[in-house]
Amino acid sequence: MNKILVPTDFSEQAGNALKVAAMLAKTYNAEIYLLHMMEIPLQQMDQGSTESDIPETLFFMKLAKKRFQNLLAEDYLEGITVHETLKADITFNEIKDACKEFDIDLIVMGSHGSSGLMEMFVGSNAEKVVRTSDVPVLVIKNEHTSFNVSNFVFASDFKNDNKETYKQAVNFAKAFNAKIHLLLVITSSNFMSTYEANNRVKDFISGEDFNNYTITIHNDYSVELGILNFSKDINADLIGISTHGRQGIAHFFNGSISEDLVNHAKRPVITFKI
């Protein structure tokens, strides 16, 4: 991991995400790309106009640059290469374009998500980025004085199209010397016997050389509840899930599990695109 993108609106939640990104940057010796998006009327300017022709635009750009300067002065960013990027529009294409432009390996985002499935960061940004991102997205809800991952829950249906995301999760776990807890949640709507479930997980990981893992078959009322309850039981440091990257997401299992988790999980959640 060489480059980490952190979208920011300079809020407390965005600050929490930046602090975690800084810890990861030091772990991986990575650079941080700090992205702020502003809804300003640049598109209304004449071809020969400049930004200074619009006082409101100039004001907000100066304000953003001042906030960037204040952030860069934070002690936790000392020794880290940080690039400031200012985009003149609030769209999710800006985040995707920034990932391609800078060859980003990981997005780290803050999230409110205190209640309600759509109460997210800024205009549901985190939930929508989770849906559409081609790179892993780490969603942070609380402030972390340290970001050590010892117990990493990887929840999946353990079908073949998740194998690539499992490899990404393994690479992440190796960086932290973490144990992966492979979790298959069984509900009344996707019932299978414990024997069948165990065999599915074992077949899924066969041929992989990563041995620091456990396998858990967990029964619950919903997949989301199963993941949250199991993660609480083992005091997991991180929850990892796979998500399809199509618009109008092809849901993880039988519902919007990845979005639901991002909203309800107090623990950090990382998503990997299938």
Protein backbone atom coordinates (compact mmCIF):
# COMPACT_ATOMS: atom_id res chain seq x y z
CA MET A 1 0.00 0.00 0.00
CA ASN A 2 1.58 3.22 -1.21
CA LYS A 3 -1.18 5.83 -1.53
CA ILE A 4 -4.15 6.54 0.74
CA LEU A 5 -7.00 8.86 -0.23
CA VAL A 6 -8.83 10.71 2.57
CA PRO A 7 -11.89 12.74 1.51
CA THR A 8 -12.45 15.52 4.04
CA ASP A 9 -15.01 18.19 4.87
CA PHE A 10 -12.82 19.25 7.82
CA SER A 11 -15.35 17.81 10.27
CA GLU A 12 -14.55 15.87 13.43
CA GLN A 13 -15.44 12.60 11.69
CA ALA A 14 -13.16 13.39 8.76
CA GLY A 15 -10.44 14.20 11.27
CA ASN A 16 -10.89 10.78 12.89
CA ALA A 17 -10.42 9.17 9.49
CA LEU A 18 -7.30 11.24 8.78
CA LYS A 19 -5.73 10.18 12.08
CA VAL A 20 -6.24 6.52 11.19
CA ALA A 21 -4.91 7.16 7.68
CA ALA A 22 -1.81 8.70 9.26
CA MET A 23 -1.26 5.58 11.37
CA LEU A 24 -1.62 3.41 8.28
CA ALA A 25 0.72 5.66 6.31
CA LYS A 26 3.39 5.18 8.95
CA THR A 27 2.81 1.41 9.00
CA TYR A 28 3.02 1.09 5.22
CA ASN A 29 5.37 4.05 4.56
CA ALA A 30 2.59 5.43 2.38
CA GLU A 31 1.58 8.89 1.17
CA ILE A 32 -1.76 10.56 1.92
CA TYR A 33 -3.89 12.38 -0.63
CA LEU A 34 -6.26 14.71 1.19
CA LEU A 35 -9.31 15.51 -0.96
CA HIS A 36 -11.80 18.30 -0.33
CA MET A 37 -14.76 18.80 -2.66
CA MET A 38 -16.55 22.14 -2.93
CA GLU A 39 -19.82 22.92 -4.64
CA ILE A 40 -18.86 26.17 -6.33
CA PRO A 41 -20.12 27.65 -9.62
CA LEU A 42 -16.94 27.28 -11.67
CA GLN A 43 -18.98 25.72 -14.47
CA GLN A 44 -20.88 29.01 -14.83
CA MET A 45 -17.76 31.02 -15.65
CA ASP A 46 -17.12 32.23 -19.17
CA GLN A 47 -14.28 30.55 -21.02
CA GLY A 48 -12.04 33.57 -20.51
CA SER A 49 -12.91 34.05 -16.84
CA THR A 50 -10.73 33.25 -13.86
CA GLU A 51 -11.59 32.02 -10.40
CA SER A 52 -11.03 35.53 -9.03
CA ASP A 53 -13.96 36.76 -11.16
CA ILE A 54 -16.27 35.04 -8.71
CA PRO A 55 -15.79 36.41 -5.17
CA GLU A 56 -17.69 33.52 -3.55
CA THR A 57 -15.49 30.98 -5.30
CA LEU A 58 -12.33 32.78 -4.26
CA PHE A 59 -13.52 33.01 -0.66
CA PHE A 60 -14.25 29.29 -0.36
CA MET A 61 -11.01 28.31 -2.05
CA LYS A 62 -9.00 30.51 0.34
CA LEU A 63 -10.93 29.06 3.28
CA ALA A 64 -10.21 25.52 2.14
CA LYS A 65 -6.52 26.26 1.68
CA LYS A 66 -6.38 27.75 5.18
CA ARG A 67 -7.99 24.62 6.60
CA PHE A 68 -5.51 22.47 4.70
CA GLN A 69 -2.68 24.46 6.28
CA ASN A 70 -4.14 23.95 9.75
CA LEU A 71 -4.47 20.21 9.15
CA LEU A 72 -0.94 19.85 7.86
CA ALA A 73 0.34 21.45 11.06
CA GLU A 74 -1.09 18.60 13.17
CA ASP A 75 1.56 16.61 15.03
CA TYR A 76 0.17 13.24 13.91
CA LEU A 77 1.00 14.07 10.28
CA GLU A 78 4.64 14.80 11.00
CA GLY A 79 6.96 12.85 8.73
CA ILE A 80 4.17 11.85 6.31
CA THR A 81 3.98 13.12 2.75
CA VAL A 82 0.53 14.71 2.37
CA HIS A 83 -0.85 16.02 -0.92
CA GLU A 84 -3.75 18.48 -0.81
CA THR A 85 -6.33 18.17 -3.58
CA LEU A 86 -9.22 20.57 -4.10
CA LYS A 87 -12.09 19.65 -6.43
CA ALA A 88 -14.74 22.14 -7.49
CA ASP A 89 -17.70 19.77 -7.38
CA ILE A 90 -19.32 17.35 -4.95
CA THR A 91 -19.76 14.16 -6.94
CA PHE A 92 -18.66 10.59 -6.40
CA ASN A 93 -17.01 10.63 -9.80
CA GLU A 94 -14.51 13.09 -8.31
CA ILE A 95 -13.47 10.46 -5.77
CA LYS A 96 -13.26 7.73 -8.42
CA ASP A 97 -11.33 10.04 -10.74
CA ALA A 98 -8.92 10.95 -7.93
CA CYS A 99 -8.31 7.25 -7.29
CA LYS A 100 -7.40 6.73 -10.92
CA GLU A 101 -5.39 9.95 -11.22
CA PHE A 102 -3.23 9.23 -8.18
CA ASP A 103 -3.26 5.42 -8.33
CA ILE A 104 -4.86 5.15 -4.89
CA ASP A 105 -4.65 1.85 -2.96
CA LEU A 106 -7.08 2.61 -0.12
CA ILE A 107 -9.80 5.15 0.71
CA VAL A 108 -10.22 6.07 4.39
CA MET A 109 -13.47 7.91 5.18
CA GLY A 110 -15.20 9.25 8.25
CA SER A 111 -18.83 8.49 8.98
CA HIS A 112 -21.48 9.80 11.36
CA GLY A 113 -23.82 6.81 11.00
CA SER A 114 -25.28 7.28 14.48
CA SER A 115 -28.78 6.20 13.46
CA GLY A 116 -30.70 5.46 10.30
CA LEU A 117 -29.32 3.55 7.36
CA MET A 118 -28.59 6.64 5.28
CA GLU A 119 -27.13 8.97 7.93
CA MET A 120 -23.61 9.12 6.55
CA PHE A 121 -20.63 11.52 6.50
CA VAL A 122 -21.63 14.23 4.00
CA GLY A 123 -24.76 13.58 1.96
CA SER A 124 -24.39 9.82 2.37
CA ASN A 125 -20.94 9.96 0.80
CA ALA A 126 -19.46 7.01 2.66
CA GLU A 127 -22.33 4.68 1.77
CA LYS A 128 -22.18 5.67 -1.90
CA VAL A 129 -18.40 5.42 -2.07
CA VAL A 130 -18.66 1.93 -0.57
CA ARG A 131 -21.01 1.01 -3.42
CA THR A 132 -18.96 2.37 -6.27
CA SER A 133 -15.30 2.28 -5.28
CA ASP A 134 -12.88 0.09 -7.20
CA VAL A 135 -10.40 0.18 -4.31
CA PRO A 136 -10.92 -0.91 -0.68
CA VAL A 137 -12.78 1.57 1.51
CA LEU A 138 -12.06 1.81 5.25
CA VAL A 139 -14.86 3.56 7.13
CA ILE A 140 -14.00 5.09 10.51
CA LYS A 141 -16.68 6.20 12.98
CA ASN A 142 -14.80 7.04 16.16
CA GLU A 143 -11.48 8.52 17.22
CA HIS A 144 -8.65 5.97 17.55
CA THR A 145 -5.60 6.69 19.66
CA SER A 146 -4.03 3.67 17.97
CA PHE A 147 -5.02 1.49 15.04
CA ASN A 148 -3.83 -2.02 15.78
CA VAL A 149 -5.64 -4.88 14.12
CA SER A 150 -5.25 -8.16 15.99
CA ASN A 151 -8.68 -9.70 15.36
CA PHE A 152 -10.04 -9.16 11.86
CA VAL A 153 -13.50 -10.54 11.01
CA PHE A 154 -13.91 -11.42 7.33
CA ALA A 155 -17.60 -12.08 6.73
CA SER A 156 -18.59 -13.71 3.47
CA ASP A 157 -20.93 -16.16 1.80
CA PHE A 158 -17.71 -17.94 0.70
CA LYS A 159 -18.62 -18.27 -2.93
CA ASN A 160 -15.97 -18.22 -5.61
CA ASP A 161 -16.51 -14.60 -6.67
CA ASN A 162 -15.28 -13.49 -3.24
CA LYS A 163 -11.86 -15.12 -3.54
CA GLU A 164 -10.10 -12.04 -4.88
CA THR A 165 -11.45 -9.94 -2.02
CA TYR A 166 -10.25 -12.57 0.46
CA LYS A 167 -6.74 -12.24 -0.96
CA GLN A 168 -6.92 -8.48 -0.38
CA ALA A 169 -8.09 -9.09 3.19
CA VAL A 170 -5.22 -11.51 3.77
CA ASN A 171 -2.70 -8.93 2.57
CA PHE A 172 -4.20 -6.39 4.96
CA ALA A 173 -4.06 -8.90 7.84
CA LYS A 174 -0.45 -9.78 7.11
CA ALA A 175 0.56 -6.14 7.37
CA PHE A 176 -0.76 -6.07 10.94
CA ASN A 177 0.10 -9.67 11.84
CA ALA A 178 -3.63 -10.09 12.51
CA LYS A 179 -5.74 -13.20 12.86
CA ILE A 180 -8.62 -13.47 10.37
CA HIS A 181 -11.88 -14.84 11.72
CA LEU A 182 -13.72 -16.33 8.75
CA LEU A 183 -17.42 -15.87 9.47
CA LEU A 184 -20.38 -17.46 7.70
CA VAL A 185 -23.71 -16.33 9.13
CA ILE A 186 -26.64 -18.71 8.78
CA THR A 187 -30.20 -17.36 8.87
CA SER A 188 -33.56 -19.00 8.35
CA SER A 189 -33.62 -17.69 4.78
CA ASN A 190 -30.20 -19.13 3.83
CA PHE A 191 -30.17 -22.24 6.00
CA MET A 192 -27.57 -24.94 5.60
CA SER A 193 -26.23 -27.50 8.01
CA THR A 194 -23.11 -26.81 10.06
CA TYR A 195 -21.39 -29.61 8.15
CA GLU A 196 -22.23 -28.02 4.79
CA ALA A 197 -21.21 -24.58 5.99
CA ASN A 198 -17.84 -25.72 7.31
CA ASN A 199 -17.10 -27.55 4.09
CA ARG A 200 -17.99 -24.48 2.03
CA VAL A 201 -15.52 -22.32 3.98
CA LYS A 202 -12.78 -24.96 3.86
CA ASP A 203 -13.22 -25.43 0.10
CA PHE A 204 -13.12 -21.65 -0.34
CA ILE A 205 -9.74 -21.22 1.39
CA SER A 206 -8.13 -24.40 0.06
CA GLY A 207 -4.89 -23.66 -1.74
CA GLU A 208 -4.25 -20.45 0.19
CA ASP A 209 -1.05 -20.26 2.22
CA PHE A 210 -2.43 -18.09 5.04
CA ASN A 211 -2.83 -20.11 8.24
CA ASN A 212 -3.58 -17.51 10.91
CA TYR A 213 -7.36 -17.90 10.85
CA THR A 214 -10.40 -19.36 12.58
CA ILE A 215 -13.68 -20.56 11.07
CA THR A 216 -17.00 -19.70 12.71
CA ILE A 217 -20.50 -20.71 11.63
CA HIS A 218 -22.88 -18.32 13.39
CA ASN A 219 -26.69 -18.48 13.49
CA ASP A 220 -28.66 -15.26 13.81
CA TYR A 221 -31.81 -13.43 12.75
CA SER A 222 -30.01 -11.57 9.95
CA VAL A 223 -26.58 -11.56 8.38
CA GLU A 224 -25.95 -8.02 9.63
CA LEU A 225 -26.85 -8.93 13.22
CA GLY A 226 -24.72 -12.05 13.00
CA ILE A 227 -21.66 -10.08 11.92
CA LEU A 228 -22.17 -7.39 14.53
CA ASN A 229 -22.88 -9.86 17.36
CA PHE A 230 -19.93 -12.11 16.55
CA SER A 231 -17.60 -9.12 16.21
CA LYS A 232 -18.72 -7.88 19.60
CA ASP A 233 -18.23 -11.33 21.18
CA ILE A 234 -14.57 -11.52 20.12
CA ASN A 235 -13.96 -7.78 20.48
CA ALA A 236 -12.90 -7.53 16.83
CA ASP A 237 -10.72 -4.61 15.78
CA LEU A 238 -11.98 -4.56 12.19
CA ILE A 239 -14.81 -6.00 10.09
CA GLY A 240 -14.12 -6.84 6.45
CA ILE A 241 -16.74 -7.61 3.82
CA SER A 242 -17.01 -8.01 0.08
CA THR A 243 -19.29 -5.81 -2.00
CA HIS A 244 -20.28 -5.80 -5.65
CA GLY A 245 -19.35 -2.54 -7.31
CA ARG A 246 -22.36 -2.16 -9.55
CA GLN A 247 -24.63 0.88 -9.35
CA GLY A 248 -27.72 -0.08 -7.38
CA ILE A 249 -25.46 -2.52 -5.56
CA ALA A 250 -25.85 -6.25 -6.08
CA HIS A 251 -26.27 -6.77 -2.38
CA PHE A 252 -23.99 -8.73 -0.14
CA PHE A 253 -26.10 -11.82 0.64
CA ASN A 254 -29.80 -10.86 0.66
CA GLY A 255 -29.84 -7.13 1.35
CA SER A 256 -27.78 -3.98 1.70
CA ILE A 257 -25.46 -5.66 4.19
CA SER A 258 -22.34 -3.64 3.41
CA GLU A 259 -24.19 -0.32 3.67
CA ASP A 260 -26.03 -1.44 6.82
CA LEU A 261 -22.78 -2.41 8.49
CA VAL A 262 -21.13 0.87 7.63
CA ASN A 263 -24.03 2.62 9.32
CA HIS A 264 -24.41 0.46 12.42
CA ALA A 265 -21.01 -0.96 13.23
CA LYS A 266 -19.13 1.02 15.87
CA ARG A 267 -15.99 -0.80 14.78
CA PRO A 268 -14.09 0.15 11.63
CA VAL A 269 -15.41 -1.55 8.49
CA ILE A 270 -13.35 -2.21 5.37
CA THR A 271 -15.01 -3.18 2.11
CA PHE A 272 -13.42 -4.93 -0.85
CA LYS A 273 -14.94 -4.86 -4.31
CA ILE A 274 -15.68 -8.21 -5.92
